[in-house]
């Protein structure tokens, strides 16, 4: 069985470790990035099934990373994005609904897993050919 790949980008080492532990324990293949620029590079290399982005990160914020990651995706493949951030701006809920989800830190393990599971079923196989 193929493990869905999840890219987690956050500048907090603690948050990255907690999210990785939770997702790996649930059977996901997790890749970590410590800033937006690294997230874009890893997304290009690994082609994740789902991306979790913090908003405020060095070198490139989560908004810019999201734009770049989505721009390089195949047009026939929807890539869910979860914004996991301390920010509480109203536009984040709308943006999260459009792209995947918006979760506010701190986040509980069960909330994180429920959200990830709700976004992955239709997107758990990489590439258009395999998903059809």
N, C-alpha and C. Protein backbone atom coordinates (compact mmCIF):
# COMPACT_ATOMS: atom_id res chain seq x y z
N UNK A 1 0.85 -1.19 0.00
CA UNK A 1 0.00 0.00 0.00
C UNK A 1 0.88 1.24 0.00
N UNK A 2 0.58 2.16 -0.86
CA UNK A 2 1.34 3.40 -0.99
C UNK A 2 0.97 4.38 0.12
N UNK A 3 1.99 4.92 0.79
CA UNK A 3 1.76 5.91 1.84
C UNK A 3 1.63 7.29 1.22
N UNK A 4 0.55 8.02 1.49
CA UNK A 4 0.46 9.39 1.00
C UNK A 4 1.60 10.24 1.55
N UNK A 5 2.15 11.10 0.68
CA UNK A 5 3.24 11.99 1.06
C UNK A 5 2.68 13.34 1.50
N UNK A 6 3.14 13.80 2.64
CA UNK A 6 2.71 15.09 3.17
C UNK A 6 3.95 15.94 3.41
N UNK A 7 3.91 17.15 2.89
CA UNK A 7 4.98 18.12 3.10
C UNK A 7 4.52 19.09 4.19
N UNK A 8 5.33 19.24 5.22
CA UNK A 8 5.03 20.15 6.33
C UNK A 8 6.10 21.24 6.35
N UNK A 9 5.66 22.50 6.23
CA UNK A 9 6.58 23.63 6.25
C UNK A 9 6.23 24.56 7.40
N UNK A 10 7.15 24.69 8.32
CA UNK A 10 6.98 25.57 9.48
C UNK A 10 8.36 25.95 9.98
N UNK A 11 8.53 27.20 10.40
CA UNK A 11 9.84 27.62 10.89
C UNK A 11 10.09 27.20 12.33
N UNK A 12 9.07 26.67 12.99
CA UNK A 12 9.24 26.19 14.37
C UNK A 12 9.64 24.71 14.36
N UNK A 13 10.80 24.44 14.87
CA UNK A 13 11.28 23.05 14.97
C UNK A 13 10.32 22.21 15.80
N UNK A 14 9.77 22.79 16.85
CA UNK A 14 8.83 22.08 17.73
C UNK A 14 7.57 21.69 16.97
N UNK A 15 6.99 22.63 16.24
CA UNK A 15 5.77 22.34 15.48
C UNK A 15 6.06 21.27 14.43
N UNK A 16 7.17 21.40 13.71
CA UNK A 16 7.52 20.39 12.70
C UNK A 16 7.62 19.00 13.34
N UNK A 17 8.27 18.91 14.49
CA UNK A 17 8.44 17.62 15.15
C UNK A 17 7.10 17.05 15.62
N UNK A 18 6.24 17.89 16.17
CA UNK A 18 4.94 17.41 16.65
C UNK A 18 4.05 16.94 15.51
N UNK A 19 4.02 17.71 14.44
CA UNK A 19 3.19 17.34 13.30
C UNK A 19 3.73 16.07 12.64
N UNK A 20 5.04 16.00 12.50
CA UNK A 20 5.64 14.79 11.91
C UNK A 20 5.31 13.55 12.75
N UNK A 21 5.46 13.65 14.05
CA UNK A 21 5.18 12.52 14.93
C UNK A 21 3.74 12.05 14.76
N UNK A 22 2.80 13.00 14.76
CA UNK A 22 1.38 12.66 14.64
C UNK A 22 1.09 12.00 13.29
N UNK A 23 1.58 12.59 12.21
CA UNK A 23 1.29 12.07 10.88
C UNK A 23 2.01 10.75 10.60
N UNK A 24 3.25 10.64 11.03
CA UNK A 24 4.00 9.39 10.82
C UNK A 24 3.36 8.24 11.59
N UNK A 25 2.90 8.52 12.79
CA UNK A 25 2.24 7.48 13.59
C UNK A 25 0.95 7.00 12.92
N UNK A 26 0.34 7.87 12.12
CA UNK A 26 -0.89 7.50 11.40
C UNK A 26 -0.59 6.86 10.05
N UNK A 27 0.70 6.70 9.71
CA UNK A 27 1.06 5.99 8.50
C UNK A 27 1.40 6.86 7.30
N UNK A 28 1.55 8.15 7.49
CA UNK A 28 1.88 9.04 6.39
C UNK A 28 3.40 9.18 6.23
N UNK A 29 3.83 9.39 5.00
CA UNK A 29 5.22 9.67 4.68
C UNK A 29 5.37 11.19 4.76
N UNK A 30 6.17 11.69 5.70
CA UNK A 30 6.24 13.12 6.00
C UNK A 30 7.61 13.68 5.63
N UNK A 31 7.60 14.80 4.92
CA UNK A 31 8.80 15.56 4.58
C UNK A 31 8.68 16.91 5.26
N UNK A 32 9.78 17.41 5.81
CA UNK A 32 9.76 18.67 6.55
C UNK A 32 10.57 19.75 5.86
N UNK A 33 10.05 20.98 5.92
CA UNK A 33 10.74 22.16 5.42
C UNK A 33 10.70 23.22 6.51
N UNK A 34 11.79 23.97 6.64
CA UNK A 34 11.86 24.98 7.70
C UNK A 34 11.55 26.40 7.21
N UNK A 35 11.28 26.55 5.91
CA UNK A 35 10.89 27.86 5.38
C UNK A 35 10.15 27.65 4.05
N UNK A 36 9.58 28.73 3.54
CA UNK A 36 8.80 28.63 2.32
C UNK A 36 9.61 28.25 1.09
N UNK A 37 10.82 28.76 0.99
CA UNK A 37 11.67 28.44 -0.15
C UNK A 37 11.98 26.95 -0.20
N UNK A 38 12.33 26.40 0.95
CA UNK A 38 12.61 24.96 1.02
C UNK A 38 11.35 24.15 0.71
N UNK A 39 10.20 24.63 1.15
CA UNK A 39 8.94 23.94 0.87
C UNK A 39 8.69 23.83 -0.63
N UNK A 40 8.95 24.91 -1.36
CA UNK A 40 8.77 24.89 -2.82
C UNK A 40 9.73 23.88 -3.46
N UNK A 41 10.98 23.88 -3.04
CA UNK A 41 11.96 22.95 -3.58
C UNK A 41 11.57 21.50 -3.31
N UNK A 42 11.13 21.23 -2.07
CA UNK A 42 10.75 19.86 -1.72
C UNK A 42 9.46 19.44 -2.42
N UNK A 43 8.55 20.36 -2.62
CA UNK A 43 7.31 20.05 -3.33
C UNK A 43 7.62 19.67 -4.78
N UNK A 44 8.54 20.38 -5.37
CA UNK A 44 8.95 20.07 -6.75
C UNK A 44 9.57 18.68 -6.81
N UNK A 45 10.44 18.38 -5.87
CA UNK A 45 11.16 17.10 -5.86
C UNK A 45 10.26 15.92 -5.49
N UNK A 46 9.47 16.08 -4.43
CA UNK A 46 8.73 14.95 -3.85
C UNK A 46 7.30 14.80 -4.34
N UNK A 47 6.72 15.81 -4.94
CA UNK A 47 5.33 15.78 -5.40
C UNK A 47 4.39 15.23 -4.32
N UNK A 48 4.23 15.98 -3.23
CA UNK A 48 3.38 15.51 -2.13
C UNK A 48 1.91 15.45 -2.52
N UNK A 49 1.16 14.69 -1.74
CA UNK A 49 -0.28 14.58 -1.94
C UNK A 49 -1.02 15.66 -1.17
N UNK A 50 -0.35 16.27 -0.20
CA UNK A 50 -0.95 17.30 0.65
C UNK A 50 0.20 18.13 1.21
N UNK A 51 -0.05 19.44 1.38
CA UNK A 51 0.95 20.34 1.94
C UNK A 51 0.35 21.06 3.14
N UNK A 52 1.13 21.12 4.21
CA UNK A 52 0.76 21.89 5.40
C UNK A 52 1.74 23.04 5.51
N UNK A 53 1.21 24.28 5.48
CA UNK A 53 2.05 25.47 5.47
C UNK A 53 1.75 26.40 6.63
N UNK A 54 2.80 26.87 7.27
CA UNK A 54 2.69 28.00 8.18
C UNK A 54 2.65 29.25 7.29
N UNK A 55 2.13 30.35 7.80
CA UNK A 55 2.09 31.58 7.02
C UNK A 55 3.37 32.38 7.18
N UNK A 56 3.74 32.65 8.42
CA UNK A 56 4.91 33.48 8.68
C UNK A 56 6.16 32.60 8.79
N UNK A 57 6.93 32.60 7.69
CA UNK A 57 8.17 31.83 7.64
C UNK A 57 9.25 32.70 7.00
N UNK A 58 10.51 32.41 7.31
CA UNK A 58 11.60 33.17 6.68
C UNK A 58 11.80 32.77 5.22
N UNK A 59 12.49 33.62 4.49
CA UNK A 59 12.88 33.44 3.10
C UNK A 59 11.71 33.51 2.12
N UNK A 60 10.57 32.94 2.47
CA UNK A 60 9.36 33.02 1.65
C UNK A 60 8.19 32.67 2.56
N UNK A 61 7.18 33.54 2.61
CA UNK A 61 6.05 33.25 3.50
C UNK A 61 5.15 32.16 2.90
N UNK A 62 4.19 31.72 3.69
CA UNK A 62 3.31 30.64 3.27
C UNK A 62 2.44 30.98 2.07
N UNK A 63 2.05 32.26 1.94
CA UNK A 63 1.25 32.66 0.79
C UNK A 63 2.04 32.50 -0.51
N UNK A 64 3.27 33.01 -0.51
CA UNK A 64 4.10 32.92 -1.71
C UNK A 64 4.45 31.46 -2.02
N UNK A 65 4.77 30.70 -0.98
CA UNK A 65 5.08 29.28 -1.18
C UNK A 65 3.87 28.55 -1.77
N UNK A 66 2.70 28.84 -1.25
CA UNK A 66 1.47 28.23 -1.76
C UNK A 66 1.29 28.54 -3.24
N UNK A 67 1.44 29.81 -3.61
CA UNK A 67 1.30 30.20 -5.02
C UNK A 67 2.28 29.45 -5.91
N UNK A 68 3.53 29.37 -5.49
CA UNK A 68 4.55 28.71 -6.30
C UNK A 68 4.30 27.20 -6.39
N UNK A 69 3.90 26.59 -5.29
CA UNK A 69 3.64 25.15 -5.29
C UNK A 69 2.45 24.82 -6.19
N UNK A 70 1.38 25.60 -6.08
CA UNK A 70 0.21 25.33 -6.90
C UNK A 70 0.48 25.60 -8.38
N UNK A 71 1.33 26.57 -8.68
CA UNK A 71 1.65 26.90 -10.06
C UNK A 71 2.40 25.77 -10.77
N UNK A 72 3.13 24.96 -10.03
CA UNK A 72 3.89 23.89 -10.67
C UNK A 72 3.16 22.56 -10.70
N UNK A 73 1.94 22.51 -10.20
CA UNK A 73 1.18 21.26 -10.18
C UNK A 73 0.53 21.00 -11.53
N UNK A 74 0.33 19.74 -11.85
CA UNK A 74 -0.40 19.36 -13.04
C UNK A 74 -1.81 19.94 -12.95
N UNK A 75 -2.32 20.42 -14.08
CA UNK A 75 -3.64 21.05 -14.08
C UNK A 75 -4.73 20.06 -13.67
N UNK A 76 -4.54 18.77 -13.87
CA UNK A 76 -5.58 17.80 -13.56
C UNK A 76 -5.46 17.24 -12.15
N UNK A 77 -4.52 17.75 -11.38
CA UNK A 77 -4.31 17.22 -10.03
C UNK A 77 -4.53 18.31 -9.00
N UNK A 78 -5.52 18.15 -8.17
CA UNK A 78 -5.77 19.10 -7.10
C UNK A 78 -4.87 18.74 -5.92
N UNK A 79 -4.14 19.72 -5.44
CA UNK A 79 -3.26 19.52 -4.30
C UNK A 79 -3.84 20.28 -3.12
N UNK A 80 -4.32 19.57 -2.11
CA UNK A 80 -4.86 20.28 -0.95
C UNK A 80 -3.75 20.93 -0.13
N UNK A 81 -4.05 22.14 0.34
CA UNK A 81 -3.15 22.91 1.17
C UNK A 81 -3.85 23.17 2.50
N UNK A 82 -3.16 22.86 3.59
CA UNK A 82 -3.67 23.20 4.92
C UNK A 82 -2.79 24.33 5.45
N UNK A 83 -3.40 25.46 5.77
CA UNK A 83 -2.68 26.53 6.43
C UNK A 83 -2.76 26.29 7.92
N UNK A 84 -1.64 26.05 8.56
CA UNK A 84 -1.55 25.81 10.00
C UNK A 84 -0.76 26.98 10.57
N UNK A 85 -1.47 27.90 11.24
CA UNK A 85 -0.84 29.15 11.63
C UNK A 85 -1.46 29.73 12.90
N UNK A 86 -0.75 30.65 13.52
CA UNK A 86 -1.27 31.38 14.68
C UNK A 86 -2.16 32.53 14.24
N UNK A 87 -2.07 32.92 12.98
CA UNK A 87 -2.84 34.05 12.47
C UNK A 87 -4.33 33.76 12.53
N UNK A 88 -5.10 34.82 12.70
CA UNK A 88 -6.55 34.67 12.83
C UNK A 88 -7.34 35.53 11.85
N UNK A 89 -6.73 36.01 10.80
CA UNK A 89 -7.41 36.88 9.84
C UNK A 89 -8.58 36.15 9.19
N UNK A 90 -9.66 36.90 8.95
CA UNK A 90 -10.88 36.31 8.37
C UNK A 90 -10.64 35.67 7.00
N UNK A 91 -9.76 36.27 6.21
CA UNK A 91 -9.54 35.73 4.87
C UNK A 91 -8.93 34.33 4.89
N UNK A 92 -8.29 33.95 6.00
CA UNK A 92 -7.67 32.62 6.07
C UNK A 92 -8.71 31.50 6.05
N UNK A 93 -9.85 31.72 6.69
CA UNK A 93 -10.90 30.70 6.66
C UNK A 93 -11.40 30.49 5.23
N UNK A 94 -11.59 31.58 4.49
CA UNK A 94 -12.05 31.47 3.11
C UNK A 94 -10.98 30.83 2.23
N UNK A 95 -9.74 31.26 2.40
CA UNK A 95 -8.64 30.70 1.63
C UNK A 95 -8.47 29.22 1.94
N UNK A 96 -8.56 28.88 3.21
CA UNK A 96 -8.46 27.48 3.61
C UNK A 96 -9.57 26.63 3.01
N UNK A 97 -10.78 27.16 2.99
CA UNK A 97 -11.91 26.43 2.40
C UNK A 97 -11.71 26.21 0.91
N UNK A 98 -11.12 27.19 0.25
CA UNK A 98 -10.90 27.09 -1.19
C UNK A 98 -9.79 26.10 -1.53
N UNK A 99 -8.73 26.10 -0.74
CA UNK A 99 -7.55 25.29 -1.07
C UNK A 99 -7.45 23.99 -0.29
N UNK A 100 -8.13 23.87 0.80
CA UNK A 100 -8.03 22.68 1.66
C UNK A 100 -8.60 22.95 3.02
N UNK A 101 -7.79 23.60 3.88
CA UNK A 101 -8.25 23.88 5.24
C UNK A 101 -7.39 24.95 5.89
N UNK A 102 -7.94 25.54 6.92
CA UNK A 102 -7.23 26.49 7.76
C UNK A 102 -7.35 25.99 9.19
N UNK A 103 -6.23 25.77 9.84
CA UNK A 103 -6.21 25.32 11.23
C UNK A 103 -5.37 26.30 12.03
N UNK A 104 -5.86 26.64 13.20
CA UNK A 104 -5.15 27.59 14.04
C UNK A 104 -4.33 26.85 15.10
N UNK A 105 -3.08 27.31 15.27
CA UNK A 105 -2.20 26.76 16.31
C UNK A 105 -2.65 27.31 17.65
N UNK A 106 -2.51 26.54 18.70
CA UNK A 106 -2.06 25.15 18.74
C UNK A 106 -3.16 24.21 18.24
N UNK A 107 -2.76 23.10 17.70
CA UNK A 107 -3.70 22.14 17.11
C UNK A 107 -3.57 20.80 17.80
N UNK A 108 -4.69 20.16 18.04
CA UNK A 108 -4.68 18.83 18.64
C UNK A 108 -4.43 17.76 17.58
N UNK A 109 -3.87 16.65 18.01
CA UNK A 109 -3.57 15.56 17.08
C UNK A 109 -4.81 15.09 16.32
N UNK A 110 -5.91 14.92 17.03
CA UNK A 110 -7.12 14.38 16.39
C UNK A 110 -7.69 15.34 15.36
N UNK A 111 -7.65 16.63 15.65
CA UNK A 111 -8.13 17.63 14.69
C UNK A 111 -7.26 17.62 13.44
N UNK A 112 -5.96 17.54 13.64
CA UNK A 112 -5.04 17.49 12.50
C UNK A 112 -5.31 16.26 11.65
N UNK A 113 -5.40 15.10 12.28
CA UNK A 113 -5.61 13.86 11.53
C UNK A 113 -6.96 13.83 10.83
N UNK A 114 -7.99 14.31 11.48
CA UNK A 114 -9.32 14.36 10.86
C UNK A 114 -9.31 15.24 9.62
N UNK A 115 -8.64 16.38 9.72
CA UNK A 115 -8.56 17.29 8.58
C UNK A 115 -7.76 16.67 7.45
N UNK A 116 -6.62 16.09 7.75
CA UNK A 116 -5.79 15.45 6.72
C UNK A 116 -6.58 14.33 6.04
N UNK A 117 -7.21 13.50 6.81
CA UNK A 117 -7.98 12.37 6.24
C UNK A 117 -9.13 12.86 5.36
N UNK A 118 -9.74 13.98 5.73
CA UNK A 118 -10.86 14.50 4.94
C UNK A 118 -10.40 15.04 3.59
N UNK A 119 -9.14 15.40 3.48
CA UNK A 119 -8.62 15.98 2.24
C UNK A 119 -7.90 14.98 1.34
N UNK A 120 -7.49 13.85 1.87
CA UNK A 120 -6.66 12.94 1.08
C UNK A 120 -7.37 11.88 0.24
N UNK A 121 -8.53 11.39 0.55
CA UNK A 121 -9.05 10.25 -0.20
C UNK A 121 -9.00 10.40 -1.72
N UNK A 122 -9.44 11.52 -2.26
CA UNK A 122 -9.45 11.69 -3.72
C UNK A 122 -8.07 12.06 -4.25
N UNK A 123 -7.13 12.36 -3.37
CA UNK A 123 -5.83 12.84 -3.81
C UNK A 123 -4.68 11.97 -3.32
N UNK A 124 -4.95 10.74 -2.94
CA UNK A 124 -3.92 9.94 -2.32
C UNK A 124 -3.01 9.22 -3.30
N UNK A 125 -3.32 9.28 -4.57
CA UNK A 125 -2.48 8.64 -5.57
C UNK A 125 -1.87 9.72 -6.45
N UNK A 126 -0.54 9.74 -6.60
CA UNK A 126 0.09 10.81 -7.37
C UNK A 126 -0.18 10.72 -8.86
N UNK A 127 -0.25 11.87 -9.49
CA UNK A 127 -0.35 11.95 -10.95
C UNK A 127 -1.74 11.77 -11.47
N UNK A 128 -2.02 12.36 -12.62
CA UNK A 128 -3.36 12.30 -13.22
C UNK A 128 -3.72 10.92 -13.71
N UNK A 129 -2.79 10.26 -14.35
CA UNK A 129 -3.10 8.97 -14.98
C UNK A 129 -3.60 7.98 -13.95
N UNK A 130 -2.96 7.94 -12.79
CA UNK A 130 -3.32 6.96 -11.77
C UNK A 130 -4.60 7.33 -11.07
N UNK A 131 -4.94 8.63 -11.02
CA UNK A 131 -6.12 9.07 -10.28
C UNK A 131 -7.39 8.89 -11.09
N UNK A 132 -7.27 8.72 -12.41
CA UNK A 132 -8.47 8.59 -13.24
C UNK A 132 -9.07 7.22 -13.17
